[in-house]
Full PDB file with SEQRES, HELIX, SHEET, SSBOND, CRYST1, ORIGX, SCALE, CONECT and MASTER records, all heavy atoms in Angstrom:
SEQRES   1 A   30  ILE GLU PRO ILE ASN ASN ARG ASP MET PRO GLY TYR PHE          
SEQRES   2 A   30  LEU ASN TYR GLN HIS GLN ALA GLN GLU ILE CYS GLU GLU          
SEQRES   3 A   30  LEU ASP ILE GLY                                              
HELIX    1 AA1 GLN A   17  LEU A   27  1                                  11    
CRYST1    1.000    1.000    1.000  90.00  90.00  90.00 P 1           1          
ORIGX1      1.000000  0.000000  0.000000        0.00000                         
ORIGX2      0.000000  1.000000  0.000000        0.00000                         
ORIGX3      0.000000  0.000000  1.000000        0.00000                         
SCALE1      1.000000  0.000000  0.000000        0.00000                         
SCALE2      0.000000  1.000000  0.000000        0.00000                         
SCALE3      0.000000  0.000000  1.000000        0.00000                         
ATOM      1  N   ILE A   1       9.659 -19.389  -0.380  1.00  0.00           N  
ATOM      2  CA  ILE A   1       9.694 -18.557   0.716  1.00  0.00           C  
ATOM      3  C   ILE A   1       8.174 -18.210   1.098  1.00  0.00           C  
ATOM      4  O   ILE A   1       7.348 -18.032   0.095  1.00  0.00           O  
ATOM      5  CB  ILE A   1      10.570 -17.232   0.607  1.00  0.00           C  
ATOM      6  CG1 ILE A   1      10.136 -16.417  -0.566  1.00  0.00           C  
ATOM      7  CG2 ILE A   1      11.946 -17.734   0.525  1.00  0.00           C  
ATOM      8  CD1 ILE A   1      10.782 -15.035  -0.532  1.00  0.00           C  
ATOM      9  N   GLU A   2       7.814 -18.078   2.288  1.00  0.00           N  
ATOM     10  CA  GLU A   2       6.413 -18.112   2.689  1.00  0.00           C  
ATOM     11  C   GLU A   2       6.201 -16.897   3.663  1.00  0.00           C  
ATOM     12  O   GLU A   2       6.646 -16.961   4.810  1.00  0.00           O  
ATOM     13  CB  GLU A   2       5.890 -19.383   3.251  1.00  0.00           C  
ATOM     14  CG  GLU A   2       4.451 -19.379   3.733  1.00  0.00           C  
ATOM     15  CD  GLU A   2       4.074 -20.521   4.553  1.00  0.00           C  
ATOM     16  OE1 GLU A   2       5.020 -21.290   5.113  1.00  0.00           O  
ATOM     17  OE2 GLU A   2       2.828 -20.840   4.672  1.00  0.00           O  
ATOM     18  N   PRO A   3       5.335 -15.946   3.442  1.00  0.00           N  
ATOM     19  CA  PRO A   3       4.900 -14.977   4.398  1.00  0.00           C  
ATOM     20  C   PRO A   3       4.017 -15.617   5.387  1.00  0.00           C  
ATOM     21  O   PRO A   3       3.033 -16.401   5.028  1.00  0.00           O  
ATOM     22  CB  PRO A   3       4.104 -13.912   3.574  1.00  0.00           C  
ATOM     23  CG  PRO A   3       4.577 -14.092   2.240  1.00  0.00           C  
ATOM     24  CD  PRO A   3       4.770 -15.508   2.049  1.00  0.00           C  
ATOM     25  N   ILE A   4       4.266 -15.533   6.726  1.00  0.00           N  
ATOM     26  CA  ILE A   4       3.544 -16.148   7.725  1.00  0.00           C  
ATOM     27  C   ILE A   4       2.836 -15.083   8.703  1.00  0.00           C  
ATOM     28  O   ILE A   4       3.592 -14.006   8.957  1.00  0.00           O  
ATOM     29  CB  ILE A   4       4.424 -17.044   8.552  1.00  0.00           C  
ATOM     30  CG1 ILE A   4       4.848 -18.259   7.687  1.00  0.00           C  
ATOM     31  CG2 ILE A   4       3.786 -17.603   9.856  1.00  0.00           C  
ATOM     32  CD1 ILE A   4       5.875 -19.174   8.259  1.00  0.00           C  
ATOM     33  N   ASN A   5       1.811 -15.262   9.125  1.00  0.00           N  
ATOM     34  CA  ASN A   5       1.030 -14.127   9.905  1.00  0.00           C  
ATOM     35  C   ASN A   5       1.797 -13.947  11.277  1.00  0.00           C  
ATOM     36  O   ASN A   5       2.184 -15.017  11.971  1.00  0.00           O  
ATOM     37  CB  ASN A   5      -0.422 -14.456  10.047  1.00  0.00           C  
ATOM     38  CG  ASN A   5      -0.822 -15.499  11.078  1.00  0.00           C  
ATOM     39  OD1 ASN A   5      -0.691 -15.244  12.357  1.00  0.00           O  
ATOM     40  ND2 ASN A   5      -1.146 -16.735  10.750  1.00  0.00           N  
ATOM     41  N   ASN A   6       1.657 -12.809  11.912  1.00  0.00           N  
ATOM     42  CA  ASN A   6       2.405 -12.465  13.096  1.00  0.00           C  
ATOM     43  C   ASN A   6       1.484 -12.783  14.363  1.00  0.00           C  
ATOM     44  O   ASN A   6       1.929 -12.565  15.446  1.00  0.00           O  
ATOM     45  CB  ASN A   6       2.897 -11.121  13.158  1.00  0.00           C  
ATOM     46  CG  ASN A   6       1.943 -10.036  12.882  1.00  0.00           C  
ATOM     47  OD1 ASN A   6       0.665 -10.361  12.977  1.00  0.00           O  
ATOM     48  ND2 ASN A   6       2.340  -8.849  12.376  1.00  0.00           N  
ATOM     49  N   ARG A   7       0.256 -13.394  14.127  1.00  0.00           N  
ATOM     50  CA  ARG A   7      -0.493 -13.860  15.211  1.00  0.00           C  
ATOM     51  C   ARG A   7      -0.053 -15.202  15.588  1.00  0.00           C  
ATOM     52  O   ARG A   7       0.095 -15.561  16.857  1.00  0.00           O  
ATOM     53  CB  ARG A   7      -2.049 -13.784  14.927  1.00  0.00           C  
ATOM     54  CG  ARG A   7      -2.959 -14.114  15.967  1.00  0.00           C  
ATOM     55  CD  ARG A   7      -4.399 -13.998  15.486  1.00  0.00           C  
ATOM     56  NE  ARG A   7      -4.787 -15.082  14.694  1.00  0.00           N  
ATOM     57  CZ  ARG A   7      -5.881 -15.050  14.021  1.00  0.00           C  
ATOM     58  NH1 ARG A   7      -6.559 -14.002  13.940  1.00  0.00           N  
ATOM     59  NH2 ARG A   7      -6.131 -16.052  13.139  1.00  0.00           N  
ATOM     60  N   ASP A   8      -0.019 -16.132  14.648  1.00  0.00           N  
ATOM     61  CA  ASP A   8       0.430 -17.382  14.929  1.00  0.00           C  
ATOM     62  C   ASP A   8       1.998 -17.546  15.227  1.00  0.00           C  
ATOM     63  O   ASP A   8       2.388 -18.423  15.937  1.00  0.00           O  
ATOM     64  CB  ASP A   8       0.103 -18.316  13.664  1.00  0.00           C  
ATOM     65  CG  ASP A   8      -1.341 -18.687  13.590  1.00  0.00           C  
ATOM     66  OD1 ASP A   8      -2.192 -18.179  14.421  1.00  0.00           O  
ATOM     67  OD2 ASP A   8      -1.688 -19.505  12.561  1.00  0.00           O  
ATOM     68  N   MET A   9       2.761 -16.617  14.661  1.00  0.00           N  
ATOM     69  CA  MET A   9       4.204 -16.758  14.741  1.00  0.00           C  
ATOM     70  C   MET A   9       4.667 -15.342  14.906  1.00  0.00           C  
ATOM     71  O   MET A   9       5.248 -14.728  14.073  1.00  0.00           O  
ATOM     72  CB  MET A   9       4.790 -17.452  13.487  1.00  0.00           C  
ATOM     73  CG  MET A   9       6.198 -18.023  13.701  1.00  0.00           C  
ATOM     74  SD  MET A   9       6.821 -18.956  12.266  1.00  0.00           S  
ATOM     75  CE  MET A   9       5.696 -20.472  12.391  1.00  0.00           C  
ATOM     76  N   PRO A  10       4.626 -14.754  16.192  1.00  0.00           N  
ATOM     77  CA  PRO A  10       5.085 -13.397  16.387  1.00  0.00           C  
ATOM     78  C   PRO A  10       6.521 -13.241  16.103  1.00  0.00           C  
ATOM     79  O   PRO A  10       7.350 -14.143  16.444  1.00  0.00           O  
ATOM     80  CB  PRO A  10       4.727 -13.162  17.899  1.00  0.00           C  
ATOM     81  CG  PRO A  10       3.675 -14.158  18.169  1.00  0.00           C  
ATOM     82  CD  PRO A  10       3.957 -15.300  17.308  1.00  0.00           C  
ATOM     83  N   GLY A  11       6.947 -12.194  15.437  1.00  0.00           N  
ATOM     84  CA  GLY A  11       8.214 -12.069  15.155  1.00  0.00           C  
ATOM     85  C   GLY A  11       8.803 -12.622  14.016  1.00  0.00           C  
ATOM     86  O   GLY A  11      10.072 -12.352  13.641  1.00  0.00           O  
ATOM     87  N   TYR A  12       7.949 -13.306  13.071  1.00  0.00           N  
ATOM     88  CA  TYR A  12       8.566 -13.936  11.908  1.00  0.00           C  
ATOM     89  C   TYR A  12       8.995 -12.871  10.985  1.00  0.00           C  
ATOM     90  O   TYR A  12       8.299 -11.839  10.721  1.00  0.00           O  
ATOM     91  CB  TYR A  12       7.498 -14.853  11.191  1.00  0.00           C  
ATOM     92  CG  TYR A  12       8.109 -15.819  10.268  1.00  0.00           C  
ATOM     93  CD1 TYR A  12       8.937 -16.906  10.590  1.00  0.00           C  
ATOM     94  CD2 TYR A  12       7.757 -15.548   8.955  1.00  0.00           C  
ATOM     95  CE1 TYR A  12       9.414 -17.640   9.642  1.00  0.00           C  
ATOM     96  CE2 TYR A  12       8.388 -16.425   8.065  1.00  0.00           C  
ATOM     97  CZ  TYR A  12       9.248 -17.398   8.200  1.00  0.00           C  
ATOM     98  OH  TYR A  12       9.710 -18.294   7.336  1.00  0.00           O  
ATOM     99  N   PHE A  13      10.116 -13.122  10.281  1.00  0.00           N  
ATOM    100  CA  PHE A  13      10.712 -12.086   9.426  1.00  0.00           C  
ATOM    101  C   PHE A  13       9.840 -11.724   8.189  1.00  0.00           C  
ATOM    102  O   PHE A  13       9.862 -10.421   7.885  1.00  0.00           O  
ATOM    103  CB  PHE A  13      12.145 -12.544   8.889  1.00  0.00           C  
ATOM    104  CG  PHE A  13      12.838 -11.601   7.998  1.00  0.00           C  
ATOM    105  CD1 PHE A  13      13.553 -10.501   8.718  1.00  0.00           C  
ATOM    106  CD2 PHE A  13      12.859 -11.606   6.799  1.00  0.00           C  
ATOM    107  CE1 PHE A  13      14.047  -9.512   7.920  1.00  0.00           C  
ATOM    108  CE2 PHE A  13      13.466 -10.755   6.001  1.00  0.00           C  
ATOM    109  CZ  PHE A  13      14.081  -9.631   6.573  1.00  0.00           C  
ATOM    110  N   LEU A  14       9.104 -12.686   7.714  1.00  0.00           N  
ATOM    111  CA  LEU A  14       8.415 -12.229   6.401  1.00  0.00           C  
ATOM    112  C   LEU A  14       6.850 -12.532   6.624  1.00  0.00           C  
ATOM    113  O   LEU A  14       6.437 -13.490   7.100  1.00  0.00           O  
ATOM    114  CB  LEU A  14       8.824 -13.291   5.319  1.00  0.00           C  
ATOM    115  CG  LEU A  14       8.432 -13.088   3.875  1.00  0.00           C  
ATOM    116  CD1 LEU A  14       9.060 -11.782   3.422  1.00  0.00           C  
ATOM    117  CD2 LEU A  14       8.969 -14.222   2.941  1.00  0.00           C  
ATOM    118  N   ASN A  15       6.153 -11.372   6.474  1.00  0.00           N  
ATOM    119  CA  ASN A  15       4.654 -11.328   6.839  1.00  0.00           C  
ATOM    120  C   ASN A  15       3.845 -11.140   5.509  1.00  0.00           C  
ATOM    121  O   ASN A  15       2.601 -11.521   5.588  1.00  0.00           O  
ATOM    122  CB  ASN A  15       4.446 -10.345   7.827  1.00  0.00           C  
ATOM    123  CG  ASN A  15       5.253 -10.540   9.189  1.00  0.00           C  
ATOM    124  OD1 ASN A  15       5.832  -9.569   9.498  1.00  0.00           O  
ATOM    125  ND2 ASN A  15       5.157 -11.748   9.707  1.00  0.00           N  
ATOM    126  N   TYR A  16       4.195 -10.400   4.478  1.00  0.00           N  
ATOM    127  CA  TYR A  16       3.354 -10.009   3.580  1.00  0.00           C  
ATOM    128  C   TYR A  16       3.719 -10.440   2.096  1.00  0.00           C  
ATOM    129  O   TYR A  16       4.934 -10.733   1.728  1.00  0.00           O  
ATOM    130  CB  TYR A  16       3.376  -8.454   3.471  1.00  0.00           C  
ATOM    131  CG  TYR A  16       2.779  -7.929   4.646  1.00  0.00           C  
ATOM    132  CD1 TYR A  16       3.629  -7.384   5.763  1.00  0.00           C  
ATOM    133  CD2 TYR A  16       1.340  -7.726   4.911  1.00  0.00           C  
ATOM    134  CE1 TYR A  16       3.147  -6.828   6.947  1.00  0.00           C  
ATOM    135  CE2 TYR A  16       0.888  -7.112   6.104  1.00  0.00           C  
ATOM    136  CZ  TYR A  16       1.769  -6.803   7.105  1.00  0.00           C  
ATOM    137  OH  TYR A  16       1.219  -6.174   8.163  1.00  0.00           O  
ATOM    138  N   GLN A  17       2.758 -10.649   1.243  1.00  0.00           N  
ATOM    139  CA  GLN A  17       2.932 -11.338  -0.142  1.00  0.00           C  
ATOM    140  C   GLN A  17       3.999 -10.301  -0.821  1.00  0.00           C  
ATOM    141  O   GLN A  17       4.723 -10.908  -1.580  1.00  0.00           O  
ATOM    142  CB  GLN A  17       1.676 -11.439  -0.817  1.00  0.00           C  
ATOM    143  CG  GLN A  17       0.636 -12.438  -0.078  1.00  0.00           C  
ATOM    144  CD  GLN A  17       1.255 -13.860   0.086  1.00  0.00           C  
ATOM    145  OE1 GLN A  17       1.917 -14.294  -0.879  1.00  0.00           O  
ATOM    146  NE2 GLN A  17       1.078 -14.384   1.202  1.00  0.00           N  
ATOM    147  N   HIS A  18       3.687  -9.025  -0.827  1.00  0.00           N  
ATOM    148  CA  HIS A  18       4.430  -8.134  -1.737  1.00  0.00           C  
ATOM    149  C   HIS A  18       5.982  -8.221  -1.220  1.00  0.00           C  
ATOM    150  O   HIS A  18       6.817  -8.062  -2.118  1.00  0.00           O  
ATOM    151  CB  HIS A  18       3.997  -6.756  -1.647  1.00  0.00           C  
ATOM    152  CG  HIS A  18       4.229  -6.078  -0.311  1.00  0.00           C  
ATOM    153  ND1 HIS A  18       3.326  -6.072   0.605  1.00  0.00           N  
ATOM    154  CD2 HIS A  18       5.151  -5.214   0.008  1.00  0.00           C  
ATOM    155  CE1 HIS A  18       3.796  -5.261   1.644  1.00  0.00           C  
ATOM    156  NE2 HIS A  18       4.993  -4.783   1.360  1.00  0.00           N  
ATOM    157  N   GLN A  19       6.226  -8.500   0.005  1.00  0.00           N  
ATOM    158  CA  GLN A  19       7.626  -8.580   0.617  1.00  0.00           C  
ATOM    159  C   GLN A  19       8.303  -9.718  -0.047  1.00  0.00           C  
ATOM    160  O   GLN A  19       9.493  -9.632  -0.575  1.00  0.00           O  
ATOM    161  CB  GLN A  19       7.714  -8.672   2.036  1.00  0.00           C  
ATOM    162  CG  GLN A  19       7.112  -7.468   2.811  1.00  0.00           C  
ATOM    163  CD  GLN A  19       7.115  -7.698   4.374  1.00  0.00           C  
ATOM    164  OE1 GLN A  19       6.896  -8.846   4.799  1.00  0.00           O  
ATOM    165  NE2 GLN A  19       7.349  -6.813   5.154  1.00  0.00           N  
ATOM    166  N   ALA A  20       7.585 -10.782  -0.155  1.00  0.00           N  
ATOM    167  CA  ALA A  20       8.149 -12.133  -0.749  1.00  0.00           C  
ATOM    168  C   ALA A  20       8.388 -11.888  -2.153  1.00  0.00           C  
ATOM    169  O   ALA A  20       9.457 -12.294  -2.749  1.00  0.00           O  
ATOM    170  CB  ALA A  20       7.283 -13.131  -0.417  1.00  0.00           C  
ATOM    171  N   GLN A  21       7.373 -11.394  -2.814  1.00  0.00           N  
ATOM    172  CA  GLN A  21       7.570 -11.202  -4.358  1.00  0.00           C  
ATOM    173  C   GLN A  21       8.764 -10.222  -4.685  1.00  0.00           C  
ATOM    174  O   GLN A  21       9.566 -10.407  -5.610  1.00  0.00           O  
ATOM    175  CB  GLN A  21       6.230 -10.614  -4.902  1.00  0.00           C  
ATOM    176  CG  GLN A  21       5.089 -11.731  -4.880  1.00  0.00           C  
ATOM    177  CD  GLN A  21       5.441 -12.906  -5.748  1.00  0.00           C  
ATOM    178  OE1 GLN A  21       6.200 -12.841  -6.574  1.00  0.00           O  
ATOM    179  NE2 GLN A  21       4.640 -13.918  -5.538  1.00  0.00           N  
ATOM    180  N   GLU A  22       8.903  -9.137  -3.855  1.00  0.00           N  
ATOM    181  CA  GLU A  22       9.919  -8.256  -4.051  1.00  0.00           C  
ATOM    182  C   GLU A  22      11.287  -8.898  -3.912  1.00  0.00           C  
ATOM    183  O   GLU A  22      12.331  -8.537  -4.625  1.00  0.00           O  
ATOM    184  CB  GLU A  22       9.817  -7.046  -3.076  1.00  0.00           C  
ATOM    185  CG  GLU A  22       8.724  -6.088  -3.509  1.00  0.00           C  
ATOM    186  CD  GLU A  22       8.313  -5.099  -2.347  1.00  0.00           C  
ATOM    187  OE1 GLU A  22       9.129  -5.151  -1.197  1.00  0.00           O  
ATOM    188  OE2 GLU A  22       7.427  -4.234  -2.479  1.00  0.00           O  
ATOM    189  N   ILE A  23      11.508  -9.754  -2.872  1.00  0.00           N  
ATOM    190  CA  ILE A  23      12.682 -10.515  -2.665  1.00  0.00           C  
ATOM    191  C   ILE A  23      13.002 -11.378  -3.941  1.00  0.00           C  
ATOM    192  O   ILE A  23      14.113 -11.403  -4.365  1.00  0.00           O  
ATOM    193  CB  ILE A  23      12.561 -11.342  -1.390  1.00  0.00           C  
ATOM    194  CG1 ILE A  23      12.635 -10.345  -0.176  1.00  0.00           C  
ATOM    195  CG2 ILE A  23      13.727 -12.325  -1.354  1.00  0.00           C  
ATOM    196  CD1 ILE A  23      12.344 -11.134   1.230  1.00  0.00           C  
ATOM    197  N   CYS A  24      12.080 -12.104  -4.385  1.00  0.00           N  
ATOM    198  CA  CYS A  24      12.166 -12.972  -5.542  1.00  0.00           C  
ATOM    199  C   CYS A  24      12.662 -12.168  -6.793  1.00  0.00           C  
ATOM    200  O   CYS A  24      13.700 -12.420  -7.553  1.00  0.00           O  
ATOM    201  CB  CYS A  24      11.007 -13.711  -5.871  1.00  0.00           C  
ATOM    202  SG  CYS A  24      10.574 -14.925  -4.731  1.00  0.00           S  
ATOM    203  N   GLU A  25      12.075 -11.045  -6.983  1.00  0.00           N  
ATOM    204  CA  GLU A  25      12.377 -10.052  -8.068  1.00  0.00           C  
ATOM    205  C   GLU A  25      13.643  -9.504  -8.005  1.00  0.00           C  
ATOM    206  O   GLU A  25      14.518  -9.318  -8.953  1.00  0.00           O  
ATOM    207  CB  GLU A  25      11.347  -9.034  -8.255  1.00  0.00           C  
ATOM    208  CG  GLU A  25      10.033  -9.633  -8.743  1.00  0.00           C  
ATOM    209  CD  GLU A  25       8.951  -8.614  -8.911  1.00  0.00           C  
ATOM    210  OE1 GLU A  25       9.274  -7.280  -8.767  1.00  0.00           O  
ATOM    211  OE2 GLU A  25       7.833  -8.918  -9.580  1.00  0.00           O  
ATOM    212  N   GLU A  26      14.086  -9.029  -6.724  1.00  0.00           N  
ATOM    213  CA  GLU A  26      15.443  -8.349  -6.357  1.00  0.00           C  
ATOM    214  C   GLU A  26      16.514  -9.450  -6.689  1.00  0.00           C  
ATOM    215  O   GLU A  26      17.513  -9.048  -7.341  1.00  0.00           O  
ATOM    216  CB  GLU A  26      15.429  -7.849  -4.979  1.00  0.00           C  
ATOM    217  CG  GLU A  26      16.887  -7.321  -4.784  1.00  0.00           C  
ATOM    218  CD  GLU A  26      16.825  -6.629  -3.281  1.00  0.00           C  
ATOM    219  OE1 GLU A  26      15.611  -6.432  -2.686  1.00  0.00           O  
ATOM    220  OE2 GLU A  26      17.826  -6.525  -2.806  1.00  0.00           O  
ATOM    221  N   LEU A  27      16.306 -10.735  -6.253  1.00  0.00           N  
ATOM    222  CA  LEU A  27      17.423 -11.607  -6.430  1.00  0.00           C  
ATOM    223  C   LEU A  27      17.438 -12.094  -7.991  1.00  0.00           C  
ATOM    224  O   LEU A  27      18.602 -12.134  -8.493  1.00  0.00           O  
ATOM    225  CB  LEU A  27      17.132 -12.825  -5.717  1.00  0.00           C  
ATOM    226  CG  LEU A  27      17.518 -12.742  -4.214  1.00  0.00           C  
ATOM    227  CD1 LEU A  27      17.093 -13.956  -3.319  1.00  0.00           C  
ATOM    228  CD2 LEU A  27      19.006 -12.420  -4.055  1.00  0.00           C  
ATOM    229  N   ASP A  28      16.361 -12.129  -8.686  1.00  0.00           N  
ATOM    230  CA  ASP A  28      16.316 -12.411 -10.042  1.00  0.00           C  
ATOM    231  C   ASP A  28      17.252 -13.586 -10.524  1.00  0.00           C  
ATOM    232  O   ASP A  28      18.017 -13.482 -11.390  1.00  0.00           O  
ATOM    233  CB  ASP A  28      16.718 -11.181 -10.841  1.00  0.00           C  
ATOM    234  CG  ASP A  28      16.365 -11.217 -12.274  1.00  0.00           C  
ATOM    235  OD1 ASP A  28      15.539 -12.119 -12.688  1.00  0.00           O  
ATOM    236  OD2 ASP A  28      17.065 -10.537 -13.107  1.00  0.00           O  
ATOM    237  N   ILE A  29      17.181 -14.708  -9.791  1.00  0.00           N  
ATOM    238  CA  ILE A  29      18.029 -15.797 -10.142  1.00  0.00           C  
ATOM    239  C   ILE A  29      17.367 -17.166 -10.524  1.00  0.00           C  
ATOM    240  O   ILE A  29      17.926 -18.143 -10.822  1.00  0.00           O  
ATOM    241  CB  ILE A  29      18.863 -16.153  -8.850  1.00  0.00           C  
ATOM    242  CG1 ILE A  29      18.103 -16.315  -7.583  1.00  0.00           C  
ATOM    243  CG2 ILE A  29      20.013 -15.128  -8.756  1.00  0.00           C  
ATOM    244  CD1 ILE A  29      18.858 -16.719  -6.427  1.00  0.00           C  
ATOM    245  N   GLY A  30      15.908 -17.138 -10.527  1.00  0.00           N  
ATOM    246  CA  GLY A  30      15.243 -18.292 -11.043  1.00  0.00           C  
ATOM    247  C   GLY A  30      15.299 -19.345  -9.845  1.00  0.00           C  
ATOM    248  O   GLY A  30      16.116 -19.253  -8.744  1.00  0.00           O  
TER     249      GLY A  30                                                      
MASTER        0    0    0    1    0    0    0    6  248    1    0    3          
END                                                                             
């Protein structure tokens, strides 16, 4: 999963590195 900047892709759901890492840790499924 990749955070993408909202200048090139306005409205993209995932924008920041910590958000992506938190999702991976929350799912904890490998």
